[in-house]
Protein backbone atom coordinates (compact mmCIF):
# COMPACT_ATOMS: atom_id res chain seq x y z
CA MET A 1 48.35 -76.04 95.71
CA LYS A 2 47.61 -73.20 93.24
CA VAL A 3 46.27 -73.90 89.78
CA ALA A 4 47.52 -71.69 86.90
CA ASN A 5 44.94 -69.42 85.42
CA GLN A 6 44.09 -70.81 82.01
CA ASN A 7 43.46 -67.25 80.73
CA ASN A 8 47.15 -66.29 81.12
CA TYR A 9 48.83 -66.62 77.66
CA PHE A 10 52.44 -65.95 76.74
CA GLY A 11 53.37 -64.27 73.36
CA PHE A 12 55.24 -61.42 71.58
CA THR A 13 54.45 -57.78 72.17
CA ILE A 14 53.89 -55.39 69.26
CA VAL A 15 57.30 -53.81 69.90
CA GLU A 16 59.00 -57.20 69.74
CA LEU A 17 57.22 -58.04 66.48
CA LEU A 18 58.28 -54.71 64.94
CA VAL A 19 61.90 -55.35 65.94
CA VAL A 20 61.82 -58.77 64.28
CA ILE A 21 60.30 -57.30 61.08
CA VAL A 22 62.96 -54.55 60.93
CA VAL A 23 65.76 -57.10 61.40
CA ILE A 24 64.34 -59.29 58.61
CA ALA A 25 64.08 -56.25 56.30
CA ILE A 26 67.71 -55.30 56.98
CA PHE A 27 68.92 -58.81 56.19
CA ALA A 28 66.80 -58.84 52.98
CA ALA A 29 68.27 -55.50 51.85
CA ILE A 30 71.82 -56.72 52.53
CA THR A 31 71.10 -59.89 50.54
CA ILE A 32 69.68 -57.95 47.56
CA VAL A 33 72.59 -55.50 47.50
CA SER A 34 75.11 -58.32 47.75
CA TYR A 35 73.39 -60.28 44.98
CA THR A 36 73.23 -57.19 42.73
CA GLY A 37 76.91 -56.47 43.27
CA ILE A 38 77.89 -60.08 42.57
CA SER A 39 75.68 -60.13 39.46
CA GLN A 40 77.21 -56.91 38.10
CA LYS A 41 80.74 -58.21 38.74
CA ALA A 42 79.89 -61.44 36.94
CA THR A 43 78.54 -59.48 33.96
CA ALA A 44 81.68 -57.33 33.82
CA VAL A 45 83.95 -60.38 33.95
CA SER A 46 81.94 -62.08 31.20
CA LEU A 47 82.06 -59.02 28.91
CA GLN A 48 85.81 -58.55 29.40
CA SER A 49 86.56 -62.23 28.89
CA ASP A 50 84.60 -62.26 25.62
CA LEU A 51 86.49 -59.20 24.38
CA THR A 52 89.91 -60.65 25.23
CA SER A 53 89.15 -63.89 23.38
CA ALA A 54 87.66 -62.03 20.40
CA SER A 55 90.67 -59.72 20.14
CA LYS A 56 93.03 -62.73 19.90
CA GLN A 57 90.85 -64.24 17.17
CA LEU A 58 90.78 -61.00 15.18
CA LYS A 59 94.57 -60.69 15.41
CA LEU A 60 94.94 -64.24 14.05
CA TYR A 61 92.71 -63.19 11.15
CA TYR A 62 95.02 -60.19 10.63
CA VAL A 63 98.08 -62.46 10.42
CA ASP A 64 96.44 -64.47 7.62
CA HIS A 65 94.87 -61.58 5.69
CA GLY A 66 97.04 -58.54 6.40
CA ALA A 67 94.01 -56.58 7.60
CA TYR A 68 91.12 -56.88 10.01
CA PRO A 69 87.67 -58.04 8.74
CA THR A 70 85.51 -55.49 7.02
CA SER A 71 82.12 -54.71 8.52
CA PRO A 72 79.54 -56.08 9.02
CA LEU A 73 80.22 -59.51 10.46
CA ALA A 74 77.65 -62.22 9.80
CA VAL A 75 75.70 -62.97 12.99
CA SER A 76 74.35 -66.41 13.87
CA GLY A 77 73.31 -66.84 17.49
CA ASN A 78 76.30 -65.85 19.60
CA SER A 79 78.77 -66.16 16.70
CA TYR A 80 80.03 -63.20 14.63
CA CYS A 81 81.91 -64.36 11.53
CA PRO A 82 83.96 -62.65 8.78
CA SER A 83 82.20 -63.34 5.48
CA ASP A 84 85.43 -64.46 3.78
CA ASP A 85 86.86 -66.75 6.49
CA ILE A 86 84.47 -68.35 8.99
CA LYS A 87 87.20 -70.16 10.89
CA TYR A 88 87.92 -66.81 12.59
CA CYS A 89 84.44 -66.34 14.08
CA ILE A 90 84.30 -64.50 17.40
CA LYS A 91 81.80 -65.51 20.07
CA THR A 92 79.97 -63.92 22.97
CA SER A 93 78.57 -65.45 26.12
CA PRO A 94 74.76 -65.87 26.19
CA GLY A 95 73.03 -62.51 26.65
CA ASN A 96 76.04 -60.46 25.52
CA THR A 97 76.09 -58.51 22.25
CA PHE A 98 79.06 -57.50 20.07
CA ILE A 99 79.27 -54.36 17.90
CA TYR A 100 82.32 -54.54 15.62
CA THR A 101 83.65 -51.35 13.98
CA PRO A 102 86.76 -51.56 11.76
CA ALA A 103 88.68 -48.59 10.42
CA VAL A 104 87.26 -47.05 7.24
CA GLY A 105 88.68 -48.53 4.03
CA THR A 106 89.08 -51.81 2.19
CA SER A 107 91.99 -53.07 4.37
CA PRO A 108 91.23 -52.02 7.96
CA GLN A 109 94.33 -51.77 10.16
CA THR A 110 92.46 -50.98 13.37
CA PHE A 111 89.19 -51.98 14.99
CA LEU A 112 86.92 -51.22 17.93
CA LEU A 113 84.83 -54.00 19.46
CA LYS A 114 82.06 -53.28 21.96
CA ASN A 115 80.45 -55.94 24.14
CA SER A 116 77.33 -55.09 26.13
CA LYS A 117 74.63 -56.59 28.32
CA SER A 118 71.71 -54.51 29.58
CA SER A 119 73.24 -51.17 30.63
CA VAL A 120 76.82 -52.46 31.07
CA ALA A 121 79.29 -52.17 28.17
CA TYR A 122 83.03 -52.65 27.64
CA ILE A 123 85.22 -51.95 24.60
CA ILE A 124 88.56 -53.15 23.25
CA THR A 125 90.77 -52.11 20.31
CA GLU A 126 93.65 -53.79 18.53
CA SER A 127 96.08 -52.04 20.92
CA THR A 128 94.20 -51.84 24.25
CA SER A 129 92.81 -54.07 26.98
CA PRO A 130 89.08 -54.22 27.80
CA GLU A 131 87.77 -51.05 29.44
CA LEU A 132 84.40 -49.54 30.30
CA ALA A 133 82.69 -48.02 27.25
CA PRO A 134 82.09 -44.26 27.37
CA VAL A 135 78.45 -43.31 28.03
CA PHE A 136 76.45 -41.83 25.15
CA THR A 137 76.09 -38.04 25.46
CA THR A 138 74.55 -35.16 23.50
CA THR A 139 75.33 -31.46 23.30
CA THR A 140 73.32 -28.73 21.63
CA THR A 141 74.06 -25.49 19.81
CA GLY A 142 71.66 -22.80 18.68
CA GLY A 143 68.08 -23.06 19.89
CA GLY A 144 68.24 -26.41 21.69
CA ILE A 145 67.28 -26.64 25.37
CA LYS A 146 68.19 -29.90 27.14
CA ASN A 147 66.51 -31.26 30.27
CA THR A 148 66.84 -34.58 32.10
CA ASP A 149 64.22 -35.85 34.53
CA GLY A 150 66.10 -39.02 35.45
CA ALA A 151 64.40 -41.52 33.15
CA TYR A 152 64.36 -39.41 29.98
CA THR A 153 66.46 -36.73 28.35
CA VAL A 154 64.38 -34.18 26.40
CA ILE A 155 65.86 -31.69 23.93
CA ALA A 156 63.51 -29.01 22.57
CA TYR A 157 64.59 -26.82 19.64
CA THR A 158 62.59 -23.60 19.48
CA SER A 159 64.91 -22.21 16.82
CA SER A 160 67.42 -23.79 14.47
CA GLY A 161 70.62 -25.34 15.75
CA THR A 162 72.74 -28.49 15.84
CA LEU A 163 72.69 -31.70 17.86
CA VAL A 164 76.10 -33.29 18.48
CA THR A 165 76.35 -36.86 19.81
CA SER A 166 79.33 -38.63 21.37
CA ASN A 167 80.16 -42.24 22.22
CA GLY A 168 77.87 -44.25 19.99
CA THR A 169 74.27 -44.01 18.91
CA ILE A 170 70.85 -44.14 20.55
CA ASP A 171 67.25 -44.40 19.33
CA ALA A 172 64.98 -41.48 20.21
CA GLU A 173 61.39 -40.36 19.86
CA VAL A 174 60.90 -37.21 17.84
CA LEU A 175 58.20 -34.58 17.21
CA VAL A 176 58.69 -32.24 14.24
CA VAL A 177 56.18 -29.41 13.59
CA GLY A 178 56.44 -26.89 10.76
CA GLY A 179 55.71 -23.18 11.08
CA GLY A 180 52.05 -22.15 10.88
CA GLY A 181 50.72 -20.08 7.99
CA GLY A 182 49.82 -16.43 8.53
CA GLY A 183 46.18 -15.37 8.50
CA SER A 184 44.66 -12.72 6.22
CA HIS A 185 40.87 -12.78 5.80
CA GLY A 186 40.80 -16.54 6.09
CA GLY A 187 42.68 -18.30 8.89
CA GLY A 188 46.20 -19.61 8.32
CA GLY A 189 46.84 -23.34 8.02
CA ALA A 190 48.76 -25.26 10.68
CA GLY A 191 52.31 -26.44 10.18
CA GLY A 192 52.94 -30.08 9.37
CA TYR A 193 52.83 -32.50 12.29
CA LEU A 194 55.16 -35.53 12.27
CA THR A 195 56.09 -38.04 14.98
CA GLY A 196 58.29 -41.12 14.94
CA THR A 197 61.69 -42.48 15.94
CA ILE A 198 65.19 -41.64 14.79
CA THR A 199 68.72 -42.83 15.51
CA LEU A 200 70.86 -40.08 17.02
CA THR A 201 74.38 -40.23 15.65
CA GLY A 202 77.20 -37.83 14.79
CA THR A 203 76.38 -34.18 14.12
CA MET A 204 72.77 -33.53 13.10
CA ALA A 205 71.34 -30.26 11.81
CA VAL A 206 68.00 -29.03 13.19
CA THR A 207 65.86 -26.53 11.26
CA VAL A 208 62.86 -24.90 12.93
CA GLY A 209 60.42 -23.18 10.56
CA ASN A 210 59.23 -19.63 11.21
CA GLY A 211 55.56 -18.73 11.27
CA GLY A 212 54.19 -17.00 8.15
CA ALA A 213 53.43 -13.27 8.19
CA GLY A 214 49.84 -12.05 8.28
CA GLY A 215 48.22 -10.53 5.19
CA ASN A 216 46.23 -7.26 4.90
CA TYR A 217 42.60 -6.64 4.08
CA MET A 218 43.21 -3.30 2.40
CA TYR A 219 44.91 -2.88 -0.98
CA PRO A 220 46.88 -4.78 -2.22
CA HIS A 221 44.78 -7.38 -0.40
CA SER A 222 47.71 -9.62 0.46
CA LEU A 223 47.40 -13.26 1.46
CA GLY A 224 48.95 -14.64 4.59
CA SER A 225 52.43 -16.07 4.03
CA THR A 226 53.16 -19.78 4.13
CA GLY A 227 55.10 -20.97 7.21
CA GLY A 228 58.64 -22.34 7.06
CA ASP A 229 59.56 -26.03 7.04
CA SER A 230 61.00 -27.75 10.12
CA ILE A 231 63.61 -30.42 9.34
CA PHE A 232 65.39 -33.05 11.43
CA GLY A 233 67.04 -36.09 9.88
CA SER A 234 64.59 -37.75 7.50
CA TYR A 235 61.63 -35.75 8.84
CA THR A 236 60.50 -32.61 6.98
CA ALA A 237 57.36 -30.98 8.40
CA LYS A 238 56.07 -28.52 5.81
CA GLY A 239 54.89 -25.04 6.70
CA GLY A 240 51.17 -24.27 6.84
CA GLY A 241 49.43 -22.43 3.99
CA GLY A 242 48.62 -18.74 4.28
CA GLY A 243 45.04 -17.58 4.74
CA GLY A 244 43.06 -16.24 1.76
CA GLY A 245 43.15 -12.51 0.89
CA ALA A 246 40.27 -10.32 -0.21
CA TRP A 247 40.19 -11.67 -3.76
CA SER A 248 42.41 -14.75 -3.52
CA PRO A 249 41.77 -18.20 -2.00
CA GLY A 250 43.88 -19.69 0.79
CA LEU A 251 47.26 -21.16 -0.06
CA ALA A 252 48.25 -24.81 -0.02
CA GLY A 253 50.57 -26.05 2.70
CA ALA A 254 50.98 -28.85 5.24
CA SER A 255 47.47 -27.72 6.17
CA GLY A 256 45.73 -25.32 3.79
CA GLY A 257 44.78 -21.75 4.60
CA GLY A 258 41.10 -20.83 4.91
CA ASN A 259 39.40 -19.02 2.03
CA ALA A 260 38.56 -15.32 2.18
CA GLY A 261 34.95 -14.24 2.39
CA GLU A 262 35.18 -12.10 -0.74
CA VAL A 263 36.47 -14.78 -3.09
CA ASN A 264 33.82 -15.13 -5.78
CA PRO A 265 32.41 -17.61 -6.58
CA SER A 266 32.20 -19.36 -3.23
CA GLN A 267 34.73 -22.13 -2.67
CA SER A 268 33.82 -25.41 -1.00
CA VAL A 269 37.29 -25.74 0.53
CA GLY A 270 40.28 -23.54 1.16
CA GLY A 271 43.92 -24.25 0.39
CA ALA A 272 44.88 -27.86 -0.17
CA ALA A 273 46.93 -29.99 2.25
CA THR A 274 50.19 -31.03 0.63
CA PRO A 275 52.07 -33.30 1.02
CA ALA A 276 49.47 -35.79 2.18
CA GLY A 277 49.61 -37.01 5.76
CA GLN A 278 50.78 -33.86 7.55
CA GLY A 279 47.54 -31.90 7.83
CA ASN A 280 44.16 -31.04 6.29
CA PRO A 281 42.65 -28.50 3.87
CA GLY A 282 41.38 -25.11 4.91
CA GLY A 283 37.70 -24.20 5.19
CA GLY A 284 35.56 -22.61 2.48
CA ASN A 285 33.68 -19.31 2.43
CA VAL A 286 30.30 -17.70 1.86
CA TYR A 287 30.27 -14.84 -0.64
CA GLY A 288 27.82 -12.04 0.06
CA TYR A 289 27.04 -10.04 3.16
CA PRO A 290 28.41 -10.70 5.65
CA HIS A 291 31.51 -11.96 3.86
CA VAL A 292 32.21 -15.12 5.86
CA SER A 293 35.66 -16.70 5.64
CA GLY A 294 36.96 -20.19 6.34
CA GLY A 295 39.29 -21.37 9.08
CA GLY A 296 42.74 -22.76 8.38
CA GLY A 297 43.21 -26.52 8.33
CA GLY A 298 44.65 -28.31 11.34
CA ALA A 299 46.79 -31.42 11.66
CA ALA A 300 43.84 -33.50 12.96
CA THR A 301 40.83 -31.99 11.15
CA ALA A 302 40.02 -29.68 8.23
CA GLY A 303 39.23 -26.03 8.76
CA ALA A 304 35.51 -25.29 9.05
CA SER A 305 33.73 -23.37 6.32
CA GLY A 306 31.89 -20.18 7.07
CA ALA A 307 28.14 -20.49 7.52
CA GLY A 308 25.50 -17.81 8.08
CA SER A 309 27.28 -15.04 9.97
CA GLN A 310 29.83 -17.43 11.57
CA ASN A 311 33.36 -17.41 10.21
CA GLY A 312 34.91 -20.86 10.08
CA ASN A 313 36.80 -22.27 13.06
CA GLY A 314 40.36 -23.44 12.64
CA GLY A 315 40.92 -27.17 12.29
CA ALA A 316 42.03 -29.06 15.41
CA GLY A 317 45.59 -30.19 16.01
CA TYR A 318 46.96 -32.73 18.47
CA ASN A 319 47.96 -32.80 22.13
CA ASN A 320 51.40 -34.32 22.69
CA SER A 321 53.32 -34.82 25.95
CA ILE A 322 56.78 -35.66 24.56
CA SER A 323 58.15 -32.59 26.36
CA GLY A 324 56.85 -33.88 29.70
CA THR A 325 53.79 -31.61 29.59
CA SER A 326 50.76 -32.02 27.34
CA VAL A 327 50.84 -29.25 24.72
CA GLY A 328 48.56 -28.56 21.76
CA TYR A 329 50.31 -28.52 18.37
CA ALA A 330 49.36 -27.69 14.78
CA GLY A 331 45.89 -26.16 15.10
CA GLY A 332 44.52 -23.99 12.27
CA GLY A 333 43.72 -20.29 12.66
CA GLY A 334 40.09 -19.13 12.86
CA GLY A 335 38.49 -17.05 10.07
CA GLY A 336 37.80 -13.38 10.71
CA VAL A 337 36.90 -11.45 7.59
CA TYR A 338 34.35 -8.63 7.09
CA GLY A 339 31.18 -9.17 9.12
CA GLY A 340 30.00 -12.03 11.27
CA THR A 341 31.41 -13.82 14.29
CA PRO A 342 35.15 -14.58 14.25
CA GLY A 343 36.24 -18.20 14.09
CA SER A 344 37.88 -19.82 17.11
CA ALA A 345 41.02 -21.96 17.23
CA THR A 346 42.66 -24.63 19.41
CA HIS A 347 46.00 -26.43 19.67
CA GLY A 348 48.11 -23.33 19.18
CA GLY A 349 46.08 -21.68 16.42
CA GLY A 350 45.11 -18.01 16.58
CA ALA A 351 41.43 -16.98 16.72
CA GLY A 352 39.95 -14.65 14.11
CA ARG A 353 38.92 -11.10 14.95
CA SER A 354 35.87 -8.94 14.54
CA GLY A 355 35.50 -5.20 14.99
CA SER A 356 36.86 -2.07 13.35
CA ALA A 357 40.38 -2.67 12.06
CA GLY A 358 40.69 -5.80 14.21
CA ASN A 359 43.92 -7.72 13.71
CA GLY A 360 43.81 -11.51 13.77
CA ASN A 361 45.33 -13.30 16.75
CA ALA A 362 48.76 -14.84 16.24
CA GLY A 363 49.32 -18.57 16.43
CA THR A 364 51.14 -19.69 19.59
CA PRO A 365 54.94 -19.74 19.12
CA ASN A 366 56.61 -23.15 18.85
CA THR A 367 53.37 -25.01 18.23
CA GLY A 368 52.95 -24.50 14.47
CA GLY A 369 49.50 -22.96 14.98
CA GLY A 370 48.01 -20.94 12.10
CA GLY A 371 47.37 -17.22 12.46
CA GLY A 372 43.81 -15.92 12.83
CA GLY A 373 41.98 -13.98 10.14
CA ALA A 374 41.44 -10.20 10.36
CA TRP A 375 38.48 -7.83 10.06
CA TYR A 376 38.31 -5.10 7.43
CA GLN A 377 41.41 -2.85 7.73
CA GLY A 378 43.21 -5.22 10.09
CA THR A 379 46.13 -7.56 9.49
CA GLY A 380 45.92 -11.31 9.85
CA GLY A 381 47.73 -12.93 12.76
CA MET A 382 51.24 -14.28 12.29
CA GLY A 383 51.58 -18.05 12.25
CA GLY A 384 53.18 -19.76 15.25
CA SER A 385 56.77 -20.90 14.74
CA GLY A 386 57.49 -24.62 14.56
CA VAL A 387 59.38 -26.86 16.97
CA VAL A 388 61.57 -29.98 17.04
CA ILE A 389 61.51 -32.09 20.23
CA ILE A 390 63.71 -35.15 20.84
CA ARG A 391 63.34 -37.59 23.74
CA TYR A 392 65.42 -40.64 24.63
CA LEU A 393 66.01 -42.85 27.66
CA THR A 394 68.95 -41.41 29.61
CA PRO A 395 71.86 -43.88 29.38
């Protein structure tokens, strides 16, 4: 009689294990898809049922009052009640949200009621049955460029235009930067830098400020021009102040322009930053030889004052990635007046210049950077134009 070898074991091969794992994964995927579909159908049924019941209640209110309730309805938990007759409250299922919009006027004869949960929404009117709500959309005119990466929609305005919304409202992030000031002897100040949130609704005007023109060293010793304001909704980003001319200090702006090296007596600071909160003052100067000028103020820091033979650097701005790429915004222009080393600049600002008849470098377009200061017979750099950028989660 033969005895079985105790070293012979029976089990699954790697191929068999892989087959089992694949089969389990397929069943799991089918289960998830089925559950998701059932869940979405349940949500849709719940939303439509709420709307049908609410419409009947609103029509009963109409019979008693000769008009539909005026907006807004008082909200308490899942109940939405007319302020003048609470027996006609309308109710939603848990997790659902109503938005009630009657016709304009004191005696509304029509209404629109929206019921939503997560990303699913249905609407009903006094004369229709529940139906899927239209998806929020935006269109642009003028200088708006719209891109969608799947998660977010980004609209960048590099020149003025209009934003038109359809099918409701949506909250969006916004960056508004004013036009940078032009340089002269001193560097130009950066445009104002504002960020925040805004509700997109209806037709909205967008104004993008131009960069200020550069000033001349030679007679009549003109200052750099102040940049234009950028405006969107409640946000107004002021333009940056122009850089100082041969005998005149830098101008005030969202960030102030740097002082010229020939302003006498020496100034401890350049143009002021006004209104507060959008930028910083420009840098001061050193009177004498070499005539050292100040840099324009930036959104993050003040412009540097000239020292020794070094013209002041432009104040720093900020990096912001609202567009999907990190970009530097609202940096001041570097100083570059007679003699010495020209001031540098970051975040879109233009560097100053040195050398015979050297023109200042321009601020980068659509960043609000200040223009750089010039040397002797040169012209200061033009300020960079502003920008308005809007970003919201794609519905």
